[in-house]
Amino acid sequence: MAPNSVDNGLAELESLYIPPVPLNRPGAGGSESLAYTAYRAQIYRRRGYWIQSFGQIDLESNDRPIYFHHSGHIPYFEQRGYGIALIQGRTIDAFLAGIPAGALVLVAVKDDGSQRLSGEASSRLADMGIAQLDRSKLRQSYLWAARKLEGAGYEVLHEACSAEELRWRIDDGARQIELVSGGALSSNRSKIEIDGVEFSRNRRGWNVVVCPPDGACISTSFDVFATLAEEGSLYRAAPQRLATSAFRAIYHAGGQLNGIKNSNALEVFEQSYSIGGFRTFTADIELTADEEVVLRHDWQPGFALFGFLARYPDAYVIANINSADRRRLKMMFDKLISAAAPFGFSLLLRVIPQLQSIEMHRIVESIFPFPRYVYILDATPNTIEAETAFVRENKIAFVAVRSDQYTEETGARIREAGARVLVHGVNDMKLLRDLAGSVHGISTDSLAAGDIHAEIAGREAAQQARRAALSRFVQIRFGVDTAGCRWLESPNQEDWAELEERIYRAESADEIRSLLKSLK
């Protein structure tokens, strides 16, 4: 099994991760489901990616990279235009080349072991003595037994390929061995039995057993129908259209309806999503006299917010729940969690509580570990040093500042604390243009989502051009490849100006490499 490399920081922020072993998702509203949702939230907070099952992902609309281990997913990704890259793991040719001299290697194919045999890897396998198997042998049976020589070569003891089931037995004096291969055209099975013990994993592709001269036999498999990499390797699937912007355009209180602001009515959320094009909303949530949570001014039976989130899987809600009464605040969040149960607790992952104080964070955390929070910087009397320390220590995702209180210095401190900057109360395009180069999102009462996105898209296209120019300069001037470097993620134009100056003033490739390493 290849190491779980997503835990080592190889996955981008906001990417998706499919675990190597399918997780048995409990029912929508039970205690096990709530615990599983809390686990997913905590993984996101620690590592920055979202755990998903393959069946939960809409491959047609997805715009984020997906990390996965199961090779059976590869054909489905490829059919939908995803590019597949091996992130970590051994290919079959590298695996065979690395086996110690004197070891016995046994291969029995199940289903198919041919369709990825092409190019340099196929040539290297042929040099090792794998002569009868190529892409023309789709779904055929295949057996190979060989002893590793010094270097990369093998002494082939047996090789056979056929549309019929294949069998081979040998007694080498130390072991009694029986091999069986059944491709999909015959028995569709693999057997590698040594002294009466089955070692084959009986998986699609190459089932491989290695018996070293002085150790126990080990087994592995390679799904060569889909990939040349070993079972358990880590892959990255990139959709044709990756998300180009992390900027959030947030509609305050769901938006406007017939010119009325701050209504928080369900109809407003529906209209702002379907017609207005917004995907993130703030919502004011209150407790009724009979102690039920509701959207302010929305008095329908039940809590309509989760029905809205269930209908629109790419919608997010920043929940404004506040009370000076600690008991009442705790009750409101308890009720919020309970209201999610009929729709599935996973919807809580798209609720972003808005924190008014450090104490409020402690209360909410005691109820449920939401993956992200918005901390209102102007709501508390603490110093900026105390606020940013709290944000850093608790990995708060967003910090919101009123538009009339935002400064570049404040934004820089928030970014240094590891959070993204939101500015609320942005209601004219000039202010948006002034802020767009230094913040990660804005909340508005009146601006149109289309106008916001057009402005941000133009700025990000210009920034992408600057990134490409810098990359090209580095490659031509210093011969340094910038592939794999996550160029500065901050939108701050001052940061970019400083980066450009440092790169253009660099005098050596080592200086450039040191700089690029600091940006990864």
Protein backbone atom coordinates (compact mmCIF):
# COMPACT_ATOMS: atom_id res chain seq x y z
CA MET A 1 0.00 0.00 0.00
CA ALA A 2 1.41 3.38 -0.99
CA PRO A 3 1.67 6.05 1.73
CA ASN A 4 -1.30 8.33 2.19
CA SER A 5 0.43 11.35 0.65
CA VAL A 6 -2.44 13.76 1.03
CA ASP A 7 -1.50 13.83 4.72
CA ASN A 8 1.91 15.14 3.69
CA GLY A 9 0.60 18.34 2.13
CA LEU A 10 0.44 17.25 -1.52
CA ALA A 11 -3.24 18.08 -1.96
CA GLU A 12 -4.31 21.63 -2.76
CA LEU A 13 -6.55 23.60 -0.47
CA GLU A 14 -10.23 22.84 -1.16
CA SER A 15 -9.46 19.73 -3.20
CA LEU A 16 -11.41 16.50 -2.76
CA TYR A 17 -10.04 13.24 -1.39
CA ILE A 18 -11.49 9.75 -1.83
CA PRO A 19 -10.06 7.45 0.90
CA PRO A 20 -8.42 4.16 -0.16
CA VAL A 21 -11.01 2.12 1.73
CA PRO A 22 -14.66 3.04 1.06
CA LEU A 23 -16.21 4.47 4.19
CA ASN A 24 -19.55 3.07 5.26
CA ARG A 25 -21.57 6.24 5.55
CA PRO A 26 -24.16 5.92 8.32
CA GLY A 27 -27.75 7.02 7.94
CA ALA A 28 -28.53 10.68 7.34
CA GLY A 29 -29.66 11.73 10.79
CA GLY A 30 -28.22 9.34 13.37
CA SER A 31 -25.52 9.92 15.95
CA GLU A 32 -22.98 7.97 13.87
CA SER A 33 -23.70 10.24 10.92
CA LEU A 34 -23.11 13.33 13.06
CA ALA A 35 -19.82 11.87 14.32
CA TYR A 36 -18.72 11.08 10.76
CA THR A 37 -19.58 14.61 9.62
CA ALA A 38 -17.58 16.02 12.54
CA TYR A 39 -14.65 13.84 11.48
CA ARG A 40 -14.81 15.23 7.92
CA ALA A 41 -14.91 18.76 9.31
CA GLN A 42 -11.85 18.18 11.48
CA ILE A 43 -9.91 16.65 8.57
CA TYR A 44 -10.64 19.75 6.52
CA ARG A 45 -9.47 22.03 9.31
CA ARG A 46 -6.22 20.13 9.78
CA ARG A 47 -5.38 19.37 6.15
CA GLY A 48 -7.46 21.60 3.91
CA TYR A 49 -9.21 18.98 1.76
CA TRP A 50 -12.68 17.46 1.76
CA ILE A 51 -13.28 13.74 2.25
CA GLN A 52 -15.84 12.46 -0.26
CA SER A 53 -16.98 9.11 -1.56
CA PHE A 54 -16.77 8.60 -5.32
CA GLY A 55 -20.55 8.43 -5.59
CA GLN A 56 -20.96 11.80 -3.84
CA ILE A 57 -19.05 13.71 -6.53
CA ASP A 58 -20.79 15.14 -9.59
CA LEU A 59 -18.02 14.60 -12.12
CA GLU A 60 -19.74 16.75 -14.75
CA SER A 61 -19.92 19.94 -12.66
CA ASN A 62 -16.91 19.44 -10.39
CA ASP A 63 -14.18 22.05 -10.84
CA ARG A 64 -11.73 20.92 -8.15
CA PRO A 65 -8.86 18.40 -8.28
CA ILE A 66 -9.70 14.99 -6.83
CA TYR A 67 -7.12 12.80 -5.08
CA PHE A 68 -7.80 9.08 -4.93
CA HIS A 69 -6.23 5.63 -4.63
CA HIS A 70 -8.64 3.19 -6.27
CA SER A 71 -7.54 2.56 -9.86
CA GLY A 72 -11.06 1.47 -10.80
CA HIS A 73 -12.04 5.16 -10.80
CA ILE A 74 -9.57 6.04 -13.56
CA PRO A 75 -11.70 4.99 -16.59
CA TYR A 76 -14.67 6.99 -15.24
CA PHE A 77 -12.52 10.09 -14.83
CA GLU A 78 -10.98 9.70 -18.27
CA GLN A 79 -14.36 9.29 -19.95
CA ARG A 80 -15.28 12.74 -18.59
CA GLY A 81 -12.10 14.41 -19.75
CA TYR A 82 -10.16 14.46 -16.47
CA GLY A 83 -6.39 14.40 -16.65
CA ILE A 84 -4.84 11.71 -14.44
CA ALA A 85 -1.44 12.10 -12.79
CA LEU A 86 0.39 9.65 -10.55
CA ILE A 87 1.34 11.57 -7.39
CA GLN A 88 2.99 8.80 -5.44
CA GLY A 89 3.49 5.11 -6.03
CA ARG A 90 5.60 2.63 -8.01
CA THR A 91 4.96 1.66 -11.60
CA ILE A 92 5.27 -2.01 -12.56
CA ASP A 93 8.54 -1.52 -14.45
CA ALA A 94 10.12 0.40 -11.53
CA PHE A 95 8.84 -2.24 -9.11
CA LEU A 96 10.37 -5.12 -11.06
CA ALA A 97 13.65 -3.25 -11.55
CA GLY A 98 13.95 -2.72 -7.78
CA ILE A 99 13.55 -6.36 -6.72
CA PRO A 100 16.71 -7.87 -5.18
CA ALA A 101 18.82 -10.34 -7.13
CA GLY A 102 17.88 -13.97 -6.61
CA ALA A 103 14.22 -13.30 -5.82
CA LEU A 104 11.52 -15.35 -7.52
CA VAL A 105 8.76 -13.27 -9.13
CA LEU A 106 5.38 -14.77 -10.00
CA VAL A 107 2.68 -13.03 -12.05
CA ALA A 108 -0.88 -14.23 -12.71
CA VAL A 109 -3.30 -11.91 -14.53
CA LYS A 110 -7.01 -11.64 -13.77
CA ASP A 111 -9.49 -9.98 -16.16
CA ASP A 112 -6.96 -7.91 -18.14
CA GLY A 113 -3.33 -6.94 -17.73
CA SER A 114 -2.54 -5.38 -21.08
CA GLN A 115 -4.22 -2.08 -21.84
CA ARG A 116 -1.64 0.28 -20.29
CA LEU A 117 1.34 -1.51 -21.82
CA SER A 118 2.70 1.08 -24.21
CA GLY A 119 5.57 3.50 -24.61
CA GLU A 120 8.78 3.40 -22.60
CA ALA A 121 7.35 1.31 -19.79
CA SER A 122 6.37 -1.43 -22.22
CA SER A 123 9.87 -1.38 -23.74
CA ARG A 124 11.46 -1.69 -20.31
CA LEU A 125 9.21 -4.64 -19.45
CA ALA A 126 10.15 -6.32 -22.73
CA ASP A 127 13.83 -5.92 -21.80
CA MET A 128 13.06 -7.78 -18.56
CA GLY A 129 11.62 -10.72 -20.48
CA ILE A 130 7.92 -9.92 -20.67
CA ALA A 131 7.59 -10.70 -24.37
CA GLN A 132 4.14 -12.15 -24.99
CA LEU A 133 1.87 -9.53 -23.44
CA ASP A 134 0.93 -6.28 -25.21
CA ARG A 135 -2.15 -4.14 -25.81
CA SER A 136 -3.43 -6.48 -28.52
CA LYS A 137 -4.03 -9.15 -25.83
CA LEU A 138 -7.11 -7.50 -24.30
CA ARG A 139 -8.77 -9.61 -21.58
CA GLN A 140 -6.46 -12.57 -22.13
CA SER A 141 -4.87 -14.83 -19.51
CA TYR A 142 -1.18 -14.35 -18.77
CA LEU A 143 1.42 -16.10 -16.57
CA TRP A 144 5.04 -15.12 -15.96
CA ALA A 145 7.61 -16.61 -13.59
CA ALA A 146 11.18 -15.37 -13.45
CA ARG A 147 14.21 -15.07 -11.20
CA LYS A 148 15.85 -11.69 -10.74
CA LEU A 149 19.43 -11.37 -11.95
CA GLU A 150 22.00 -8.77 -10.96
CA GLY A 151 21.02 -5.43 -12.50
CA ALA A 152 17.62 -5.07 -14.16
CA GLY A 153 17.44 -8.40 -15.99
CA TYR A 154 15.49 -11.60 -15.32
CA GLU A 155 15.89 -15.28 -16.06
CA VAL A 156 12.44 -16.21 -17.38
CA LEU A 157 11.29 -19.61 -16.09
CA HIS A 158 7.84 -19.58 -17.69
CA GLU A 159 5.70 -17.24 -19.82
CA ALA A 160 2.34 -17.89 -21.48
CA CYS A 161 -0.53 -15.81 -22.89
CA SER A 162 -3.86 -17.17 -24.16
CA ALA A 163 -7.56 -16.53 -24.47
CA GLU A 164 -8.02 -19.74 -22.45
CA GLU A 165 -7.29 -20.26 -18.77
CA LEU A 166 -3.61 -20.95 -18.08
CA ARG A 167 -2.05 -23.21 -15.43
CA TRP A 168 1.57 -23.89 -14.48
CA ARG A 169 3.17 -25.90 -11.67
CA ILE A 170 6.77 -26.11 -10.51
CA ASP A 171 8.71 -27.60 -7.63
CA ASP A 172 11.98 -25.67 -7.35
CA GLY A 173 13.24 -27.76 -4.46
CA ALA A 174 12.37 -25.09 -1.91
CA ARG A 175 8.70 -24.52 -2.76
CA GLN A 176 5.80 -26.13 -4.55
CA ILE A 177 4.14 -23.50 -6.73
CA GLU A 178 0.91 -23.47 -8.72
CA LEU A 179 -0.12 -20.53 -10.92
CA VAL A 180 -3.52 -19.98 -12.55
CA SER A 181 -4.52 -17.05 -14.77
CA GLY A 182 -8.00 -16.49 -16.13
CA GLY A 183 -8.60 -13.40 -18.22
CA ALA A 184 -12.08 -11.96 -18.68
CA LEU A 185 -12.43 -14.15 -21.79
CA SER A 186 -12.10 -17.31 -19.65
CA SER A 187 -12.40 -17.90 -15.90
CA ASN A 188 -11.59 -14.34 -14.71
CA ARG A 189 -9.45 -15.33 -11.75
CA SER A 190 -5.89 -15.39 -10.43
CA LYS A 191 -4.23 -18.01 -8.27
CA ILE A 192 -0.66 -18.02 -6.91
CA GLU A 193 -0.38 -20.91 -4.44
CA ILE A 194 2.89 -21.60 -2.67
CA ASP A 195 3.16 -24.76 -0.53
CA GLY A 196 -0.62 -24.87 -0.37
CA VAL A 197 -1.03 -21.22 0.73
CA GLU A 198 -2.82 -18.72 -1.52
CA PHE A 199 -0.87 -15.50 -2.06
CA SER A 200 -2.68 -13.92 -5.00
CA ARG A 201 -4.85 -10.92 -4.20
CA ASN A 202 -7.13 -11.99 -7.05
CA ARG A 203 -7.52 -8.40 -8.25
CA ARG A 204 -8.00 -7.15 -11.79
CA GLY A 205 -4.66 -6.87 -13.57
CA TRP A 206 -1.29 -8.27 -12.52
CA ASN A 207 -1.29 -10.20 -9.27
CA VAL A 208 2.36 -10.38 -8.24
CA VAL A 209 4.17 -12.41 -5.58
CA VAL A 210 7.84 -11.87 -4.77
CA CYS A 211 9.79 -14.52 -2.86
CA PRO A 212 13.26 -13.25 -1.86
CA PRO A 213 16.10 -15.72 -1.33
CA ASP A 214 16.08 -15.33 2.45
CA GLY A 215 12.69 -13.96 3.47
CA ALA A 216 8.94 -14.40 3.40
CA CYS A 217 6.96 -14.04 0.18
CA ILE A 218 5.03 -10.80 -0.29
CA SER A 219 2.14 -10.01 -2.62
CA THR A 220 0.86 -6.94 -4.41
CA SER A 221 -1.13 -6.07 -7.53
CA PHE A 222 -1.14 -3.70 -10.51
CA ASP A 223 -4.39 -2.86 -12.28
CA VAL A 224 -2.74 -2.68 -15.71
CA PHE A 225 -6.13 -2.34 -17.38
CA ALA A 226 -6.29 1.19 -15.92
CA THR A 227 -2.78 2.12 -14.76
CA LEU A 228 0.81 0.94 -14.51
CA ALA A 229 1.00 1.93 -10.85
CA GLU A 230 0.82 -0.35 -7.82
CA GLU A 231 -2.39 -0.87 -5.89
CA GLY A 232 -2.85 1.87 -3.30
CA SER A 233 -0.91 4.53 -5.20
CA LEU A 234 -2.10 8.12 -4.98
CA TYR A 235 -3.52 9.82 -8.10
CA ARG A 236 -4.74 13.30 -8.93
CA ALA A 237 -7.69 13.74 -11.31
CA ALA A 238 -7.95 17.26 -12.75
CA PRO A 239 -11.17 18.32 -14.49
CA GLN A 240 -10.91 20.16 -17.81
CA ARG A 241 -12.21 23.28 -16.09
CA LEU A 242 -10.52 23.93 -12.78
CA ALA A 243 -11.85 26.62 -10.47
CA THR A 244 -9.94 29.79 -11.29
CA SER A 245 -11.13 31.94 -8.40
CA ALA A 246 -11.52 31.50 -4.67
CA PHE A 247 -13.10 34.95 -4.37
CA ARG A 248 -16.42 34.88 -2.56
CA ALA A 249 -19.25 37.19 -3.52
CA ILE A 250 -21.61 37.03 -0.54
CA TYR A 251 -25.19 38.25 -0.59
CA HIS A 252 -26.12 39.73 2.77
CA ALA A 253 -29.29 38.30 4.37
CA GLY A 254 -30.04 36.36 1.19
CA GLY A 255 -30.22 39.49 -0.98
CA GLN A 256 -33.03 41.78 -2.05
CA LEU A 257 -36.61 40.99 -2.96
CA ASN A 258 -38.68 43.72 -4.64
CA GLY A 259 -36.20 46.29 -3.37
CA ILE A 260 -36.47 45.11 0.24
CA LYS A 261 -33.14 44.37 1.95
CA ASN A 262 -32.36 42.13 4.92
CA SER A 263 -35.50 40.03 4.53
CA ASN A 264 -33.85 36.63 5.19
CA ALA A 265 -36.88 35.06 3.51
CA LEU A 266 -36.52 31.73 1.73
CA GLU A 267 -37.86 33.25 -1.50
CA VAL A 268 -34.95 35.69 -1.48
CA PHE A 269 -32.37 32.92 -1.19
CA GLU A 270 -34.05 31.02 -4.04
CA GLN A 271 -34.14 34.08 -6.31
CA SER A 272 -30.59 35.19 -5.48
CA TYR A 273 -29.29 31.72 -6.28
CA SER A 274 -31.31 30.90 -9.39
CA ILE A 275 -31.49 34.35 -11.01
CA GLY A 276 -28.86 36.42 -9.24
CA GLY A 277 -26.05 33.88 -9.53
CA PHE A 278 -24.90 34.07 -5.91
CA ARG A 279 -23.64 30.93 -4.17
CA THR A 280 -22.74 32.23 -0.70
CA PHE A 281 -25.18 34.02 1.58
CA THR A 282 -25.37 35.40 5.07
CA ALA A 283 -28.47 34.37 7.03
CA ASP A 284 -29.81 35.80 10.27
CA ILE A 285 -31.11 32.94 12.38
CA GLU A 286 -33.29 33.45 15.43
CA LEU A 287 -35.01 31.48 18.16
CA THR A 288 -38.81 31.69 18.33
CA ALA A 289 -40.84 32.03 21.51
CA ASP A 290 -41.41 28.27 21.47
CA GLU A 291 -37.62 27.76 21.11
CA GLU A 292 -37.34 26.74 17.46
CA VAL A 293 -34.67 28.09 15.09
CA VAL A 294 -35.92 30.00 12.03
CA LEU A 295 -34.68 32.35 9.37
CA ARG A 296 -35.67 35.84 10.42
CA HIS A 297 -38.95 36.81 8.69
CA ASP A 298 -39.43 33.25 7.38
CA TRP A 299 -42.14 31.62 9.47
CA GLN A 300 -42.69 28.45 7.46
CA PRO A 301 -43.05 25.18 9.37
CA GLY A 302 -39.65 23.62 10.00
CA PHE A 303 -36.27 25.18 9.24
CA ALA A 304 -36.22 26.08 5.54
CA LEU A 305 -32.47 26.77 5.32
CA PHE A 306 -31.41 23.11 5.15
CA GLY A 307 -34.00 22.37 2.48
CA PHE A 308 -32.41 25.17 0.43
CA LEU A 309 -28.90 23.72 0.94
CA ALA A 310 -30.12 20.24 0.03
CA ARG A 311 -31.57 21.52 -3.27
CA TYR A 312 -28.42 23.44 -4.20
CA PRO A 313 -25.25 21.45 -3.42
CA ASP A 314 -22.92 24.34 -4.32
CA ALA A 315 -24.61 26.86 -1.98
CA TYR A 316 -23.07 28.00 1.31
CA VAL A 317 -24.56 29.93 4.21
CA ILE A 318 -22.76 32.14 6.71
CA ALA A 319 -24.96 31.75 9.77
CA ASN A 320 -25.40 34.81 11.95
CA ILE A 321 -26.56 33.39 15.27
CA ASN A 322 -25.98 35.63 18.22
CA SER A 323 -27.12 36.13 21.76
CA ALA A 324 -25.58 37.69 24.86
CA ASP A 325 -27.17 34.84 26.83
CA ARG A 326 -24.76 31.89 26.85
CA ARG A 327 -27.54 29.37 27.53
CA ARG A 328 -29.70 30.74 24.72
CA LEU A 329 -26.77 30.76 22.29
CA LYS A 330 -25.97 27.13 23.06
CA MET A 331 -29.63 26.21 22.64
CA MET A 332 -29.74 27.90 19.22
CA PHE A 333 -26.78 25.89 17.94
CA ASP A 334 -28.15 22.68 19.45
CA LYS A 335 -31.41 23.35 17.61
CA LEU A 336 -29.51 24.14 14.40
CA ILE A 337 -27.74 20.77 14.51
CA SER A 338 -31.02 18.97 15.16
CA ALA A 339 -32.72 20.81 12.27
CA ALA A 340 -30.13 19.36 9.86
CA ALA A 341 -30.93 15.74 10.77
CA PRO A 342 -33.86 15.15 8.35
CA PHE A 343 -31.74 16.42 5.43
CA GLY A 344 -28.43 14.82 6.40
CA PHE A 345 -25.78 16.15 8.75
CA SER A 346 -23.35 16.57 5.85
CA LEU A 347 -25.14 19.86 5.09
CA LEU A 348 -23.49 21.27 8.22
CA LEU A 349 -20.24 21.30 6.25
CA ARG A 350 -21.71 24.12 4.15
CA VAL A 351 -22.78 26.18 7.14
CA ILE A 352 -20.18 28.76 8.23
CA PRO A 353 -20.97 30.21 11.66
CA GLN A 354 -20.27 33.90 12.13
CA LEU A 355 -18.41 34.47 15.39
CA GLN A 356 -18.95 37.62 17.40
CA SER A 357 -16.43 36.79 20.12
CA ILE A 358 -13.74 34.37 21.23
CA GLU A 359 -16.12 33.03 23.88
CA MET A 360 -18.71 32.27 21.20
CA HIS A 361 -16.15 30.09 19.42
CA ARG A 362 -15.69 28.01 22.58
CA ILE A 363 -19.45 27.51 22.91
CA VAL A 364 -19.93 26.48 19.28
CA GLU A 365 -16.94 24.13 19.34
CA SER A 366 -18.41 22.32 22.33
CA ILE A 367 -21.46 21.49 20.18
CA PHE A 368 -20.02 20.77 16.72
CA PRO A 369 -16.61 21.40 15.08
CA PHE A 370 -17.69 23.35 12.01
CA PRO A 371 -14.99 23.20 9.32
CA ARG A 372 -14.93 26.98 8.80
CA TYR A 373 -15.82 30.10 10.71
CA VAL A 374 -16.12 33.79 9.90
CA TYR A 375 -14.76 35.91 12.73
CA ILE A 376 -16.11 39.48 12.88
CA LEU A 377 -13.10 41.59 13.70
CA ASP A 378 -15.02 44.77 14.47
CA ALA A 379 -17.42 43.08 16.90
CA THR A 380 -15.03 42.78 19.84
CA PRO A 381 -12.93 45.21 21.92
CA ASN A 382 -9.76 43.07 21.84
CA THR A 383 -6.51 44.32 20.34
CA ILE A 384 -5.60 43.31 16.79
CA GLU A 385 -2.70 41.27 18.24
CA ALA A 386 -5.08 39.26 20.45
CA GLU A 387 -7.53 38.79 17.60
CA THR A 388 -4.95 37.54 15.09
CA ALA A 389 -3.41 35.23 17.72
CA PHE A 390 -6.86 33.69 18.24
CA VAL A 391 -7.36 33.34 14.48
CA ARG A 392 -3.98 31.66 14.01
CA GLU A 393 -4.27 29.26 16.96
CA ASN A 394 -7.77 28.11 15.99
CA LYS A 395 -7.25 28.07 12.21
CA ILE A 396 -10.18 30.40 11.58
CA ALA A 397 -10.89 30.36 7.83
CA PHE A 398 -12.23 33.90 7.33
CA VAL A 399 -11.98 37.21 9.12
CA ALA A 400 -14.56 39.87 8.23
CA VAL A 401 -14.02 43.59 8.54
CA ARG A 402 -16.42 46.48 7.88
CA SER A 403 -15.62 48.37 4.71
CA ASP A 404 -15.15 51.66 6.55
CA GLN A 405 -12.65 50.04 8.95
CA TYR A 406 -10.58 48.00 6.52
CA THR A 407 -6.96 49.00 5.91
CA GLU A 408 -4.11 47.34 4.06
CA GLU A 409 -2.32 46.85 7.39
CA THR A 410 -5.34 45.04 8.81
CA GLY A 411 -5.57 42.84 5.73
CA ALA A 412 -1.87 41.98 5.93
CA ARG A 413 -2.20 40.96 9.59
CA ILE A 414 -5.16 38.73 8.82
CA ARG A 415 -3.33 37.01 5.99
CA GLU A 416 -0.26 36.53 8.17
CA ALA A 417 -2.51 34.79 10.71
CA GLY A 418 -3.47 32.28 7.99
CA ALA A 419 -7.03 33.51 7.36
CA ARG A 420 -8.78 34.89 4.29
CA VAL A 421 -10.04 38.45 4.32
CA LEU A 422 -13.72 39.31 3.86
CA VAL A 423 -15.03 42.88 3.78
CA HIS A 424 -18.73 43.48 4.43
CA GLY A 425 -20.85 46.44 3.43
CA VAL A 426 -19.44 46.76 -0.11
CA ASN A 427 -22.24 48.31 -2.16
CA ASP A 428 -20.60 50.21 -5.00
CA MET A 429 -18.28 49.12 -7.81
CA LYS A 430 -15.59 51.69 -7.07
CA LEU A 431 -15.12 50.29 -3.58
CA LEU A 432 -15.07 46.76 -5.02
CA ARG A 433 -12.32 47.75 -7.47
CA ASP A 434 -10.31 49.30 -4.65
CA LEU A 435 -10.60 46.14 -2.53
CA ALA A 436 -10.47 43.38 -5.14
CA GLY A 437 -6.70 43.32 -5.28
CA SER A 438 -6.23 42.67 -1.58
CA VAL A 439 -9.18 40.68 -0.17
CA HIS A 440 -10.68 37.22 -0.67
CA GLY A 441 -14.35 38.17 -0.72
CA ILE A 442 -16.96 40.83 -0.08
CA SER A 443 -20.48 40.92 1.31
CA THR A 444 -22.99 43.16 -0.42
CA ASP A 445 -26.60 44.26 -0.14
CA SER A 446 -27.01 45.48 -3.70
CA LEU A 447 -24.22 44.62 -6.18
CA ALA A 448 -25.00 42.05 -8.88
CA ALA A 449 -23.08 38.77 -8.82
CA GLY A 450 -22.36 39.07 -12.56
CA ASP A 451 -20.73 42.49 -12.11
CA ILE A 452 -18.65 41.25 -9.18
CA HIS A 453 -17.47 38.13 -10.99
CA ALA A 454 -16.65 40.09 -14.16
CA GLU A 455 -14.49 42.51 -12.19
CA ILE A 456 -12.69 39.71 -10.35
CA ALA A 457 -12.23 37.64 -13.52
CA GLY A 458 -10.54 40.59 -15.24
CA ARG A 459 -8.18 41.12 -12.34
CA GLU A 460 -7.35 37.44 -12.05
CA ALA A 461 -6.67 37.19 -15.79
CA ALA A 462 -4.21 40.04 -15.46
CA GLN A 463 -2.59 38.38 -12.46
CA GLN A 464 -2.37 35.08 -14.36
CA ALA A 465 -0.57 36.91 -17.16
CA ARG A 466 1.90 38.31 -14.63
CA ARG A 467 2.40 34.84 -13.19
CA ALA A 468 3.06 33.42 -16.69
CA ALA A 469 5.51 36.23 -17.50
CA LEU A 470 7.43 35.64 -14.27
CA SER A 471 7.52 31.90 -14.90
CA ARG A 472 8.78 32.37 -18.45
CA PHE A 473 11.45 34.82 -17.27
CA VAL A 474 12.71 32.39 -14.64
CA GLN A 475 12.90 29.53 -17.13
CA ILE A 476 14.73 31.55 -19.80
CA ARG A 477 17.03 33.58 -17.54
CA PHE A 478 17.97 30.94 -14.99
CA GLY A 479 16.89 27.61 -16.51
CA VAL A 480 14.75 26.88 -13.44
CA ASP A 481 11.54 24.91 -13.91
CA THR A 482 8.65 26.46 -11.97
CA ALA A 483 6.37 23.41 -12.32
CA GLY A 484 4.91 22.40 -8.97
CA CYS A 485 5.47 25.81 -7.38
CA ARG A 486 2.25 27.19 -5.95
CA TRP A 487 2.76 30.81 -6.86
CA LEU A 488 1.75 33.29 -4.25
CA GLU A 489 -1.87 32.59 -3.35
CA SER A 490 -2.49 35.98 -1.73
CA PRO A 491 -4.45 38.37 -3.95
CA ASN A 492 -2.61 41.32 -2.47
CA GLN A 493 -1.13 43.42 -5.28
CA GLU A 494 1.61 44.71 -2.98
CA ASP A 495 2.77 41.13 -2.40
CA TRP A 496 2.92 40.60 -6.15
CA ALA A 497 4.88 43.79 -6.68
CA GLU A 498 7.41 42.66 -4.08
CA LEU A 499 7.64 39.19 -5.65
CA GLU A 500 8.26 40.60 -9.13
CA GLU A 501 10.96 42.91 -7.83
CA ARG A 502 12.77 40.08 -6.03
CA ILE A 503 12.64 37.82 -9.08
CA TYR A 504 13.80 40.45 -11.55
CA ARG A 505 16.65 41.47 -9.21
CA ALA A 506 17.82 37.88 -8.62
CA GLU A 507 21.33 37.10 -9.83
CA SER A 508 21.57 33.31 -9.57
CA ALA A 509 19.55 30.13 -10.05
CA ASP A 510 20.13 29.23 -6.38
CA GLU A 511 18.56 32.53 -5.33
CA ILE A 512 15.54 31.81 -7.52
CA ARG A 513 15.18 28.26 -6.18
CA SER A 514 15.28 29.54 -2.61
CA LEU A 515 12.59 32.09 -3.43
CA LEU A 516 10.35 29.57 -5.18
CA LYS A 517 10.73 27.14 -2.29
CA SER A 518 9.40 29.81 0.07
CA LEU A 519 6.28 30.14 -2.10
CA LYS A 520 5.33 26.45 -2.14
